[in-house]
């Protein structure tokens, strides 16, 4: 039964209130106040249709990822595909980009709690990416609240009042008029993540299909009537086949909801190393609905480490030295711009992790000026290279980013900047950057991992740490680097030749160094009682210790951590 036909039949049926819902093979194993209005029988029937139609193909695609990684682990290298030369060499363009997505010079991203949704839509950015992925810890409460907030935002009724006291009432937040709001885009979770609280025929549902499907079910028609999509960001893709799976899903959603073909538009994040070799192919697979590609730089660096986890000659220096001016990252950015503009798509820049530093003392003012200078330089690099827009994580950075793009990009976008002079080879994309590992850099990776994991386990997916906005992507770099450094520390262990991996002061990198950092960390966290997830620091330390000692680098830290979430 399609959702269009089922709506009139099932919409009035009440949901059971015993905490476990079962509707024709569908189980929802958690309950919260108000979720009945989201997970109605007809909505569950729609989600079940997505699962039954696409779950088998999702598992095939995930198996292909594992096979590909085994090839890399055995010494293989990623490269441009020989079987898709015709796609890369032929002349074609993506479908026209809708008016609401023509000018995307500043996009703000963040989680989906009501306050963030209101502030982001009111922020003055061109677009807001509401994120169910890297900046949202997928507790059932967060997911339900996020879907409720976005549904109310689309309807124009979202309001929020912060907690207060009798003496000092909490601040009230409300949406600006629709015409003054940022354009909404929604990022569902990646293909690798399940939604354990929704089981179809005994199997956990895909987090991707749950997030996108539930949002589309409740909001697609309203947004289409406003000529606002709906629009989505698609994360963590590794191949054209994964893009084709998304295209089939979106076709299915349009048919089931009675929407015009091609109504749902997407932007794809190029944030895995395998995907950079298939950008033409990904655009082609989604050519009827894709608006652009985005340089998801932090996940891309993480993916580089993960792809080459067994390659000692591809070990990267500490993450603070792996910037976008490094040759392999500059090649990735410039190839993305060239590919997008050749095909009529936007080439979106990435996130600068810095956030404004508060404080009126001289040291704070100086540190804030230095942080803003880094953001300005990064945005200037992007607009000069030919990007059509950029990301910020904090509303205070919107004016800075807009000033840079307004000055250098008077047009809505830069698709006229073809970058035909760019020539990027396989070796350009995989050559590691040079640099060092300092003791401070090693210990900072440990601290960031523990702080972020503790916050994530406590329900916060986006955490400011040392004036950088850390989410799952940036924490993954720190976690993967620790594993890579420690497991390649002594080349003698695997019979290879070369010098042991050392810090810049000559000290060898080894597990004793990790143990000392972990033991010393609680004493360094002077703000432990106030920090997000402070009560779960010991649990986070234990999890990081196990992940780092494991013989194989875990694909994503969120996979074992998710089992601990409610």
Protein backbone atom coordinates (compact mmCIF):
# COMPACT_ATOMS: atom_id res chain seq x y z
CA UNK A 1 0.00 0.00 0.00
CA UNK A 2 1.43 3.40 -0.95
CA UNK A 3 1.57 6.12 1.68
CA UNK A 4 -0.82 8.24 -0.39
CA UNK A 5 -3.52 5.53 -0.32
CA UNK A 6 -2.77 4.39 3.21
CA UNK A 7 -3.05 7.87 4.65
CA UNK A 8 -6.84 7.97 4.51
CA UNK A 9 -7.14 4.41 5.83
CA UNK A 10 -4.70 4.45 8.73
CA UNK A 11 -4.20 8.04 9.80
CA UNK A 12 -6.84 7.93 12.51
CA UNK A 13 -5.71 4.66 14.08
CA UNK A 14 -4.26 5.23 17.56
CA UNK A 15 -0.84 3.97 18.57
CA UNK A 16 -0.52 1.44 21.40
CA UNK A 17 0.90 3.01 24.54
CA UNK A 18 2.73 0.10 26.14
CA UNK A 19 6.18 1.22 24.93
CA UNK A 20 6.46 -1.48 22.23
CA UNK A 21 4.55 -0.88 19.02
CA UNK A 22 3.88 -3.69 16.56
CA UNK A 23 2.16 -2.92 13.26
CA UNK A 24 2.35 -5.63 10.59
CA UNK A 25 5.88 -6.72 11.44
CA UNK A 26 7.04 -3.31 12.66
CA UNK A 27 8.32 -2.82 16.19
CA UNK A 28 9.20 0.45 17.89
CA UNK A 29 10.99 -0.58 21.05
CA UNK A 30 11.11 2.79 22.83
CA UNK A 31 8.49 5.35 23.72
CA UNK A 32 8.49 9.06 24.46
CA UNK A 33 5.71 11.58 24.97
CA UNK A 34 4.47 12.88 21.64
CA UNK A 35 6.10 10.29 19.40
CA UNK A 36 2.66 8.90 18.50
CA UNK A 37 2.09 11.94 16.29
CA UNK A 38 5.26 11.11 14.34
CA UNK A 39 5.16 7.33 14.25
CA UNK A 40 1.56 6.87 13.20
CA UNK A 41 0.61 3.55 11.62
CA UNK A 42 0.71 5.10 8.15
CA UNK A 43 4.16 6.58 8.79
CA UNK A 44 5.41 3.21 10.02
CA UNK A 45 3.91 1.52 6.98
CA UNK A 46 5.82 3.98 4.80
CA UNK A 47 9.09 3.30 6.66
CA UNK A 48 8.52 -0.44 6.43
CA UNK A 49 8.11 -0.08 2.67
CA UNK A 50 11.51 1.60 2.44
CA UNK A 51 13.16 -1.10 4.54
CA UNK A 52 11.63 -4.01 2.64
CA UNK A 53 12.48 -2.50 -0.72
CA UNK A 54 16.07 -1.39 -0.04
CA UNK A 55 17.59 -3.17 2.97
CA UNK A 56 18.98 -6.08 0.96
CA UNK A 57 20.70 -3.70 -1.44
CA UNK A 58 22.09 -1.66 1.47
CA UNK A 59 23.69 -4.80 2.87
CA UNK A 60 25.21 -5.59 -0.53
CA UNK A 61 26.72 -2.12 -0.68
CA UNK A 62 28.12 -2.42 2.87
CA UNK A 63 29.64 -5.79 1.95
CA UNK A 64 31.26 -4.11 -1.06
CA UNK A 65 32.81 -1.58 1.31
CA UNK A 66 34.33 -4.36 3.37
CA UNK A 67 35.72 -6.08 0.28
CA UNK A 68 37.23 -2.84 -0.94
CA UNK A 69 38.85 -2.15 2.42
CA UNK A 70 40.32 -5.66 2.44
CA UNK A 71 41.93 -4.82 -0.92
CA UNK A 72 43.43 -1.66 0.58
CA UNK A 73 44.57 -3.53 3.69
CA UNK A 74 46.41 -5.98 1.44
CA UNK A 75 48.38 -3.13 -0.12
CA UNK A 76 46.02 -2.02 -2.89
CA UNK A 77 45.55 1.64 -3.77
CA UNK A 78 42.40 3.52 -4.78
CA UNK A 79 42.25 4.78 -8.36
CA UNK A 80 39.90 6.08 -11.03
CA UNK A 81 37.69 3.30 -12.37
CA UNK A 82 38.46 1.74 -15.72
CA UNK A 83 34.85 0.62 -16.24
CA UNK A 84 33.44 4.17 -16.07
CA UNK A 85 35.73 6.00 -18.48
CA UNK A 86 32.76 6.75 -20.73
CA UNK A 87 30.96 8.60 -17.92
CA UNK A 88 34.01 10.74 -17.15
CA UNK A 89 34.82 11.51 -20.78
CA UNK A 90 31.34 12.15 -22.19
CA UNK A 91 29.51 15.49 -22.25
CA UNK A 92 26.55 15.67 -19.89
CA UNK A 93 25.21 17.97 -17.17
CA UNK A 94 23.04 17.57 -14.11
CA UNK A 95 19.46 18.83 -14.03
CA UNK A 96 18.94 22.57 -13.46
CA UNK A 97 19.40 23.72 -9.88
CA UNK A 98 16.25 25.17 -8.26
CA UNK A 99 16.09 28.87 -7.46
CA UNK A 100 16.28 28.35 -3.69
CA UNK A 101 19.68 26.64 -4.07
CA UNK A 102 21.24 28.99 -6.61
CA UNK A 103 23.03 31.10 -3.97
CA UNK A 104 24.51 29.05 -1.14
CA UNK A 105 27.47 31.24 -0.23
CA UNK A 106 27.13 30.67 3.53
CA UNK A 107 25.63 27.56 5.09
CA UNK A 108 25.40 26.89 8.81
CA UNK A 109 25.33 23.36 10.15
CA UNK A 110 24.37 21.92 13.49
CA UNK A 111 22.20 19.46 15.41
CA UNK A 112 18.42 19.31 15.38
CA UNK A 113 17.38 20.38 18.88
CA UNK A 114 14.65 23.06 18.84
CA UNK A 115 16.85 25.96 19.96
CA UNK A 116 19.49 25.17 17.32
CA UNK A 117 16.87 24.80 14.59
CA UNK A 118 15.37 28.21 15.39
CA UNK A 119 18.71 29.97 15.72
CA UNK A 120 20.06 28.42 12.52
CA UNK A 121 17.00 29.24 10.44
CA UNK A 122 17.07 32.79 11.85
CA UNK A 123 20.85 33.16 11.54
CA UNK A 124 21.11 35.05 8.26
CA UNK A 125 22.89 32.16 6.54
CA UNK A 126 21.69 31.22 3.08
CA UNK A 127 21.11 27.61 4.11
CA UNK A 128 20.94 25.50 7.25
CA UNK A 129 21.94 21.85 7.23
CA UNK A 130 19.96 20.17 10.00
CA UNK A 131 22.21 17.31 10.99
CA UNK A 132 21.03 13.92 12.20
CA UNK A 133 24.52 12.57 11.59
CA UNK A 134 27.91 13.78 12.88
CA UNK A 135 26.65 16.50 15.24
CA UNK A 136 23.75 14.56 16.75
CA UNK A 137 24.19 11.69 19.19
CA UNK A 138 21.39 9.35 18.01
CA UNK A 139 19.60 8.77 21.28
CA UNK A 140 15.94 8.02 20.75
CA UNK A 141 15.09 11.26 22.57
CA UNK A 142 17.32 13.32 20.26
CA UNK A 143 15.90 11.72 17.12
CA UNK A 144 12.28 12.14 18.12
CA UNK A 145 12.83 15.72 19.33
CA UNK A 146 14.70 16.54 16.12
CA UNK A 147 11.95 15.23 13.86
CA UNK A 148 9.34 17.07 15.93
CA UNK A 149 11.34 20.31 15.79
CA UNK A 150 11.82 20.14 12.03
CA UNK A 151 8.18 19.31 11.45
CA UNK A 152 7.13 22.34 13.50
CA UNK A 153 9.72 24.51 11.73
CA UNK A 154 8.39 23.52 8.31
CA UNK A 155 4.88 24.29 9.51
CA UNK A 156 6.09 27.65 10.86
CA UNK A 157 4.99 26.95 14.43
CA UNK A 158 8.27 26.07 16.16
CA UNK A 159 8.93 27.93 19.42
CA UNK A 160 11.22 27.21 22.35
CA UNK A 161 11.63 28.67 25.84
CA UNK A 162 14.86 27.97 27.66
CA UNK A 163 14.70 26.77 31.26
CA UNK A 164 14.58 29.62 33.76
CA UNK A 165 13.58 30.50 37.28
CA UNK A 166 10.82 32.57 38.86
CA UNK A 167 13.29 35.43 39.19
CA UNK A 168 14.74 35.04 35.70
CA UNK A 169 12.41 33.43 33.14
CA UNK A 170 14.10 31.56 30.32
CA UNK A 171 14.62 33.24 26.96
CA UNK A 172 11.93 32.64 24.36
CA UNK A 173 12.86 31.72 20.78
CA UNK A 174 10.60 31.92 17.73
CA UNK A 175 11.06 31.76 13.98
CA UNK A 176 11.39 34.78 11.75
CA UNK A 177 8.98 35.05 8.80
CA UNK A 178 9.54 32.32 6.21
CA UNK A 179 11.07 34.68 3.65
CA UNK A 180 13.81 35.61 6.14
CA UNK A 181 14.73 32.04 7.05
CA UNK A 182 17.68 30.05 5.77
CA UNK A 183 16.85 27.33 3.25
CA UNK A 184 16.55 24.01 5.07
CA UNK A 185 18.57 20.95 4.09
CA UNK A 186 18.50 17.75 6.15
CA UNK A 187 21.39 15.30 6.57
CA UNK A 188 20.34 11.77 7.51
CA UNK A 189 22.75 9.26 9.02
CA UNK A 190 25.09 7.32 6.71
CA UNK A 191 24.40 3.94 5.15
CA UNK A 192 26.49 2.14 7.79
CA UNK A 193 24.31 3.10 10.75
CA UNK A 194 21.23 1.24 12.02
CA UNK A 195 18.26 2.56 13.95
CA UNK A 196 17.99 -0.05 16.68
CA UNK A 197 14.71 1.25 18.09
CA UNK A 198 12.79 0.47 14.90
CA UNK A 199 12.73 -3.14 13.76
CA UNK A 200 11.10 -4.35 10.56
CA UNK A 201 10.42 -8.07 10.28
CA UNK A 202 12.89 -8.64 13.10
CA UNK A 203 15.77 -6.56 11.68
CA UNK A 204 16.96 -3.10 12.68
CA UNK A 205 16.05 -0.41 10.18
CA UNK A 206 18.67 1.68 8.38
CA UNK A 207 19.30 4.97 10.17
CA UNK A 208 19.52 6.63 6.76
CA UNK A 209 16.10 5.46 5.68
CA UNK A 210 14.53 6.25 9.05
CA UNK A 211 15.86 9.83 9.17
CA UNK A 212 15.16 10.77 5.57
CA UNK A 213 11.98 8.74 5.25
CA UNK A 214 10.28 10.10 8.36
CA UNK A 215 11.21 13.69 7.53
CA UNK A 216 10.00 13.34 3.94
CA UNK A 217 6.78 11.63 4.98
CA UNK A 218 5.75 14.50 7.25
CA UNK A 219 7.23 17.49 5.41
CA UNK A 220 7.78 16.82 1.71
CA UNK A 221 4.43 18.06 0.47
CA UNK A 222 4.56 21.23 2.55
CA UNK A 223 8.08 22.05 1.38
CA UNK A 224 7.24 21.27 -2.24
CA UNK A 225 4.29 23.67 -2.05
CA UNK A 226 6.70 26.37 -0.84
CA UNK A 227 9.20 25.55 -3.63
CA UNK A 228 11.72 24.48 -0.97
CA UNK A 229 12.43 20.94 -1.98
CA UNK A 230 12.70 19.04 0.25
CA UNK A 231 16.50 19.18 0.09
CA UNK A 232 18.99 16.77 1.61
CA UNK A 233 22.72 16.30 2.23
CA UNK A 234 23.88 12.71 1.68
CA UNK A 235 26.90 11.63 3.81
CA UNK A 236 29.69 9.06 3.74
CA UNK A 237 29.15 7.74 0.19
CA UNK A 238 32.00 5.63 -1.16
CA UNK A 239 30.86 4.72 -4.68
CA UNK A 240 28.55 5.45 -7.58
CA UNK A 241 26.57 2.35 -6.66
CA UNK A 242 25.80 3.83 -3.25
CA UNK A 243 24.68 7.03 -4.98
CA UNK A 244 22.48 4.98 -7.31
CA UNK A 245 20.90 3.32 -4.27
CA UNK A 246 20.04 6.77 -2.87
CA UNK A 247 18.56 7.74 -6.24
CA UNK A 248 16.34 4.66 -6.20
CA UNK A 249 15.26 5.47 -2.63
CA UNK A 250 14.35 9.03 -3.56
CA UNK A 251 12.44 7.87 -6.65
CA UNK A 252 10.48 5.52 -4.40
CA UNK A 253 9.74 8.30 -1.88
CA UNK A 254 8.47 10.59 -4.63
CA UNK A 255 6.16 7.93 -6.05
CA UNK A 256 4.85 6.87 -2.64
CA UNK A 257 4.12 10.47 -1.58
CA UNK A 258 2.70 11.56 -4.93
CA UNK A 259 5.47 14.07 -5.65
CA UNK A 260 6.80 15.18 -9.01
CA UNK A 261 9.75 13.14 -10.24
CA UNK A 262 12.98 14.92 -9.30
CA UNK A 263 11.28 16.99 -6.58
CA UNK A 264 13.72 15.81 -3.91
CA UNK A 265 17.13 17.45 -4.43
CA UNK A 266 20.41 16.42 -2.86
CA UNK A 267 23.95 17.56 -2.26
CA UNK A 268 26.54 14.83 -1.72
CA UNK A 269 29.41 15.17 0.72
CA UNK A 270 32.68 13.94 -0.75
CA UNK A 271 34.12 12.88 2.58
CA UNK A 272 35.64 9.49 1.83
CA UNK A 273 38.81 8.80 -0.09
CA UNK A 274 37.19 6.20 -2.41
CA UNK A 275 34.49 8.72 -3.38
CA UNK A 276 36.95 11.33 -4.66
CA UNK A 277 37.83 8.92 -7.47
CA UNK A 278 34.14 8.63 -8.44
CA UNK A 279 32.84 12.21 -8.34
CA UNK A 280 31.77 12.23 -11.99
CA UNK A 281 30.08 8.89 -11.49
CA UNK A 282 28.26 10.02 -8.33
CA UNK A 283 26.99 13.14 -10.10
CA UNK A 284 25.88 10.98 -13.03
CA UNK A 285 24.03 8.49 -10.83
CA UNK A 286 22.07 11.37 -9.25
CA UNK A 287 22.04 13.67 -12.28
CA UNK A 288 18.27 14.22 -12.22
CA UNK A 289 18.30 15.61 -8.67
CA UNK A 290 21.80 16.57 -7.52
CA UNK A 291 22.64 20.21 -6.80
CA UNK A 292 26.29 19.88 -5.85
CA UNK A 293 29.16 18.21 -4.04
CA UNK A 294 30.67 19.35 -0.76
CA UNK A 295 34.25 19.11 0.52
CA UNK A 296 33.60 17.28 3.78
CA UNK A 297 37.20 17.82 4.76
CA UNK A 298 37.30 16.39 8.28
CA UNK A 299 35.65 13.10 7.41
CA UNK A 300 37.83 13.02 4.31
CA UNK A 301 41.00 13.17 6.41
CA UNK A 302 39.57 10.46 8.66
CA UNK A 303 38.76 8.34 5.61
CA UNK A 304 42.32 8.78 4.29
CA UNK A 305 43.67 7.40 7.57
CA UNK A 306 41.14 4.56 7.64
CA UNK A 307 41.71 3.60 3.99
CA UNK A 308 45.47 3.45 4.54
CA UNK A 309 45.35 2.05 8.05
CA UNK A 310 47.76 -0.75 7.05
CA UNK A 311 50.07 1.46 4.95
CA UNK A 312 52.99 2.70 7.03
CA UNK A 313 54.12 5.02 4.22
CA UNK A 314 50.77 6.87 4.44
CA UNK A 315 50.92 7.82 8.14
CA UNK A 316 49.85 11.45 8.63
CA UNK A 317 51.27 13.98 11.10
CA UNK A 318 49.15 15.33 13.95
CA UNK A 319 45.80 16.66 12.81
CA UNK A 320 46.58 20.33 13.42
CA UNK A 321 49.19 20.12 10.65
CA UNK A 322 46.87 18.41 8.14
CA UNK A 323 45.32 21.56 6.68
CA UNK A 324 43.70 22.26 3.33
CA UNK A 325 46.91 23.78 1.97
CA UNK A 326 48.55 20.35 2.11
CA UNK A 327 49.00 19.14 -1.50
CA UNK A 328 46.76 16.05 -1.28
CA UNK A 329 43.89 18.09 0.20
CA UNK A 330 44.35 20.96 -2.24
CA UNK A 331 44.20 18.43 -5.10
CA UNK A 332 40.95 17.01 -3.69
CA UNK A 333 39.38 20.46 -3.40
CA UNK A 334 40.42 21.64 -6.86
CA UNK A 335 39.33 18.42 -8.56
CA UNK A 336 35.92 18.72 -6.88
CA UNK A 337 35.51 22.29 -8.16
CA UNK A 338 36.54 21.33 -11.69
CA UNK A 339 34.24 18.29 -11.75
CA UNK A 340 31.19 20.10 -10.40
CA UNK A 341 31.47 23.12 -12.67
CA UNK A 342 31.97 20.95 -15.73
CA UNK A 343 28.66 19.24 -14.92
CA UNK A 344 26.63 22.30 -13.85
CA UNK A 345 26.68 21.55 -10.12
CA UNK A 346 27.76 23.63 -7.12
CA UNK A 347 31.14 22.97 -5.48
CA UNK A 348 30.64 23.66 -1.78
CA UNK A 349 33.53 24.38 0.56
CA UNK A 350 33.97 22.84 3.96
CA UNK A 351 33.89 23.63 7.63
CA UNK A 352 36.37 25.74 9.56
CA UNK A 353 36.34 24.23 13.05
CA UNK A 354 37.23 27.46 14.90
CA UNK A 355 34.59 29.17 17.02
CA UNK A 356 34.67 32.67 18.53
CA UNK A 357 36.60 32.97 21.80
CA UNK A 358 34.85 34.89 24.55
CA UNK A 359 36.56 36.94 27.20
CA UNK A 360 37.65 40.56 27.51
CA UNK A 361 41.19 40.00 28.78
CA UNK A 362 44.09 40.65 26.43
CA UNK A 363 44.93 36.96 25.99
CA UNK A 364 41.35 36.07 25.01
CA UNK A 365 41.10 38.98 22.59
CA UNK A 366 44.38 38.01 20.96
CA UNK A 367 43.35 34.35 20.72
CA UNK A 368 40.00 35.32 19.21
CA UNK A 369 41.66 37.51 16.61
CA UNK A 370 43.98 34.66 15.68
CA UNK A 371 41.05 32.24 15.37
CA UNK A 372 39.07 34.62 13.17
CA UNK A 373 42.14 35.22 11.01
CA UNK A 374 42.35 31.47 10.38
CA UNK A 375 38.69 31.35 9.41
CA UNK A 376 39.07 34.34 7.08
CA UNK A 377 42.13 32.81 5.40
CA UNK A 378 40.31 29.52 4.94
CA UNK A 379 37.24 31.15 3.38
CA UNK A 380 39.44 33.32 1.16
CA UNK A 381 41.20 30.17 -0.05
CA UNK A 382 37.86 28.58 -0.89
CA UNK A 383 36.33 31.48 -2.78
CA UNK A 384 39.57 32.17 -4.67
CA UNK A 385 39.79 28.53 -5.71
CA UNK A 386 36.26 28.68 -7.15
CA UNK A 387 33.99 27.24 -4.48
CA UNK A 388 30.35 28.35 -4.62
CA UNK A 389 29.81 28.52 -0.88
CA UNK A 390 31.12 27.48 2.49
CA UNK A 391 30.17 26.12 5.91
CA UNK A 392 30.29 27.64 9.38
CA UNK A 393 29.45 26.02 12.72
CA UNK A 394 28.70 29.19 14.70
CA UNK A 395 26.31 32.05 13.84
CA UNK A 396 28.94 34.64 14.80
CA UNK A 397 31.08 33.50 11.84
CA UNK A 398 28.37 34.12 9.24
CA UNK A 399 29.18 37.82 8.68
CA UNK A 400 32.89 37.04 8.28
CA UNK A 401 32.27 34.28 5.75
CA UNK A 402 29.70 36.38 3.90
CA UNK A 403 32.04 39.36 3.66
CA UNK A 404 34.75 37.19 2.10
CA UNK A 405 32.40 35.60 -0.44
CA UNK A 406 30.56 38.84 -1.23
CA UNK A 407 33.84 40.58 -2.00
CA UNK A 408 35.21 37.84 -4.25
CA UNK A 409 31.95 36.31 -5.58
CA UNK A 410 29.51 39.02 -6.74
CA UNK A 411 27.52 36.39 -8.67
CA UNK A 412 25.25 33.80 -6.97
CA UNK A 413 27.83 31.09 -7.68
CA UNK A 414 31.04 30.48 -9.63
CA UNK A 415 30.11 27.78 -12.11
CA UNK A 416 31.74 29.95 -14.77
CA UNK A 417 35.09 29.24 -13.06
CA UNK A 418 35.89 25.97 -14.85
CA UNK A 419 39.39 25.36 -13.44
CA UNK A 420 40.33 23.63 -16.70
CA UNK A 421 44.00 24.09 -15.87
CA UNK A 422 43.71 21.67 -12.95
CA UNK A 423 45.33 18.30 -13.57
CA UNK A 424 45.03 15.83 -10.69
CA UNK A 425 46.43 12.31 -10.78
CA UNK A 426 45.87 9.31 -8.55
CA UNK A 427 49.20 9.92 -6.87
CA UNK A 428 48.32 13.56 -6.15
CA UNK A 429 45.28 12.40 -4.19
CA UNK A 430 47.03 9.79 -2.07
CA UNK A 431 50.41 11.38 -1.33
CA UNK A 432 50.55 12.01 2.43
CA UNK A 433 51.42 15.37 3.92
CA UNK A 434 54.69 15.93 5.71
CA UNK A 435 54.86 16.98 9.33
CA UNK A 436 55.51 15.87 12.87
CA UNK A 437 53.84 14.41 15.92
CA UNK A 438 54.37 16.48 19.06
CA UNK A 439 53.72 15.29 22.59
CA UNK A 440 51.09 18.01 22.90
CA UNK A 441 49.49 16.83 19.65
CA UNK A 442 49.38 13.22 20.84
CA UNK A 443 47.88 14.18 24.20
CA UNK A 444 45.39 16.54 22.55
CA UNK A 445 44.12 13.67 20.40
CA UNK A 446 43.59 11.62 23.56
CA UNK A 447 41.78 14.47 25.30
CA UNK A 448 39.54 15.26 22.34
CA UNK A 449 38.57 11.61 21.95
CA UNK A 450 37.70 11.21 25.63
CA UNK A 451 35.86 14.51 25.93
CA UNK A 452 33.87 13.90 22.77
CA UNK A 453 33.06 10.26 23.55
CA UNK A 454 31.90 11.20 27.06
CA UNK A 455 29.64 13.91 25.64
CA UNK A 456 28.34 11.64 22.86
CA UNK A 457 27.50 8.87 25.30
CA UNK A 458 25.64 11.48 27.35
CA UNK A 459 23.62 12.60 24.33
CA UNK A 460 25.61 15.55 22.92
CA UNK A 461 27.00 15.12 19.39
CA UNK A 462 28.56 18.55 18.91
CA UNK A 463 30.96 19.84 21.57
CA UNK A 464 33.24 22.90 21.83
CA UNK A 465 36.70 21.79 23.00
CA UNK A 466 39.55 24.30 23.25
CA UNK A 467 37.65 26.74 21.02
CA UNK A 468 37.17 24.22 18.23
CA UNK A 469 33.78 22.75 17.42
CA UNK A 470 34.30 19.00 17.60
CA UNK A 471 31.83 16.56 16.10
CA UNK A 472 32.08 12.89 15.18
CA UNK A 473 34.22 13.68 12.12
CA UNK A 474 36.93 15.62 13.94
CA UNK A 475 36.93 13.18 16.87
CA UNK A 476 37.33 10.33 14.38
CA UNK A 477 40.54 11.90 13.05
CA UNK A 478 41.98 12.00 16.57
CA UNK A 479 40.88 8.42 17.30
CA UNK A 480 42.11 6.98 13.99
CA UNK A 481 45.43 8.79 14.25
CA UNK A 482 46.09 7.32 17.69
CA UNK A 483 45.43 3.82 16.36
CA UNK A 484 47.55 4.38 13.25
CA UNK A 485 50.48 5.89 15.11
CA UNK A 486 50.52 3.17 17.77
CA UNK A 487 50.10 0.26 15.38
CA UNK A 488 52.83 1.53 13.04
CA UNK A 489 55.08 2.70 15.85
CA UNK A 490 57.65 -0.07 15.55
CA UNK A 491 58.38 -1.33 12.01
CA UNK A 492 60.35 -4.18 13.53
CA UNK A 493 57.12 -5.72 14.82
CA UNK A 494 55.98 -6.70 11.32
CA UNK A 495 59.43 -7.45 9.93
CA UNK A 496 59.65 -4.30 7.82
CA UNK A 497 62.57 -1.91 7.73
CA UNK A 498 62.74 1.68 8.81
CA UNK A 499 62.92 3.80 11.90
CA UNK A 500 60.45 3.57 14.79
CA UNK A 501 57.75 6.24 14.79
CA UNK A 502 58.80 9.03 17.15
CA UNK A 503 57.57 12.28 18.57
CA UNK A 504 59.41 15.39 17.48
CA UNK A 505 61.40 15.28 20.72
CA UNK A 506 62.80 11.86 19.82
CA UNK A 507 60.58 9.81 22.17
CA UNK A 508 59.22 6.63 20.63
CA UNK A 509 55.46 6.36 20.17
CA UNK A 510 54.23 3.31 22.08
CA UNK A 511 51.31 2.11 24.19
CA UNK A 512 53.06 3.27 27.35
CA UNK A 513 52.71 6.80 26.01
CA UNK A 514 48.97 6.24 25.56
CA UNK A 515 48.64 4.73 29.02
CA UNK A 516 50.30 7.72 30.64
CA UNK A 517 48.08 10.12 28.72
CA UNK A 518 44.94 8.24 29.77
CA UNK A 519 46.01 8.02 33.40
CA UNK A 520 46.90 11.71 33.57
CA UNK A 521 43.81 12.94 31.74
CA UNK A 522 41.23 12.97 34.57
CA UNK A 523 43.49 15.24 36.62
CA UNK A 524 43.75 17.65 33.67
CA UNK A 525 39.98 17.91 33.25
CA UNK A 526 39.48 20.61 35.84
CA UNK A 527 36.05 21.38 34.34
CA UNK A 528 34.95 17.77 34.54
CA UNK A 529 31.84 18.45 36.62
CA UNK A 530 30.67 21.12 34.17
CA UNK A 531 31.75 19.54 30.87
CA UNK A 532 29.21 17.68 28.71
CA UNK A 533 29.23 14.03 29.75
CA UNK A 534 31.49 14.64 32.71
CA UNK A 535 30.02 11.67 34.56
CA UNK A 536 30.97 9.33 31.70
CA UNK A 537 34.67 10.19 31.40
CA UNK A 538 35.82 6.86 32.89
CA UNK A 539 33.57 4.99 30.46
CA UNK A 540 34.96 7.03 27.56
CA UNK A 541 38.54 6.34 28.65
CA UNK A 542 37.84 2.61 28.76
CA UNK A 543 36.22 2.63 25.32
CA UNK A 544 39.07 4.60 23.75
CA UNK A 545 41.61 2.27 25.35
CA UNK A 546 39.87 -0.78 23.86
CA UNK A 547 39.43 0.79 20.44
CA UNK A 548 43.07 1.85 20.30
CA UNK A 549 44.44 -1.55 21.38
CA UNK A 550 42.23 -3.48 18.94
CA UNK A 551 44.11 -5.28 16.16
CA UNK A 552 41.91 -3.65 13.52
CA UNK A 553 40.83 -0.04 13.36
CA UNK A 554 37.09 0.09 14.00
CA UNK A 555 35.33 1.59 10.98
CA UNK A 556 33.47 4.17 13.07
CA UNK A 557 33.65 4.89 16.80
CA UNK A 558 29.89 5.47 16.75
CA UNK A 559 29.27 1.78 16.03
CA UNK A 560 30.45 0.35 19.39
CA UNK A 561 29.39 3.52 21.21
CA UNK A 562 25.85 3.30 19.81
CA UNK A 563 25.24 0.08 21.71
CA UNK A 564 25.60 2.11 24.91
CA UNK A 565 22.98 4.71 23.94
CA UNK A 566 19.32 4.56 24.92
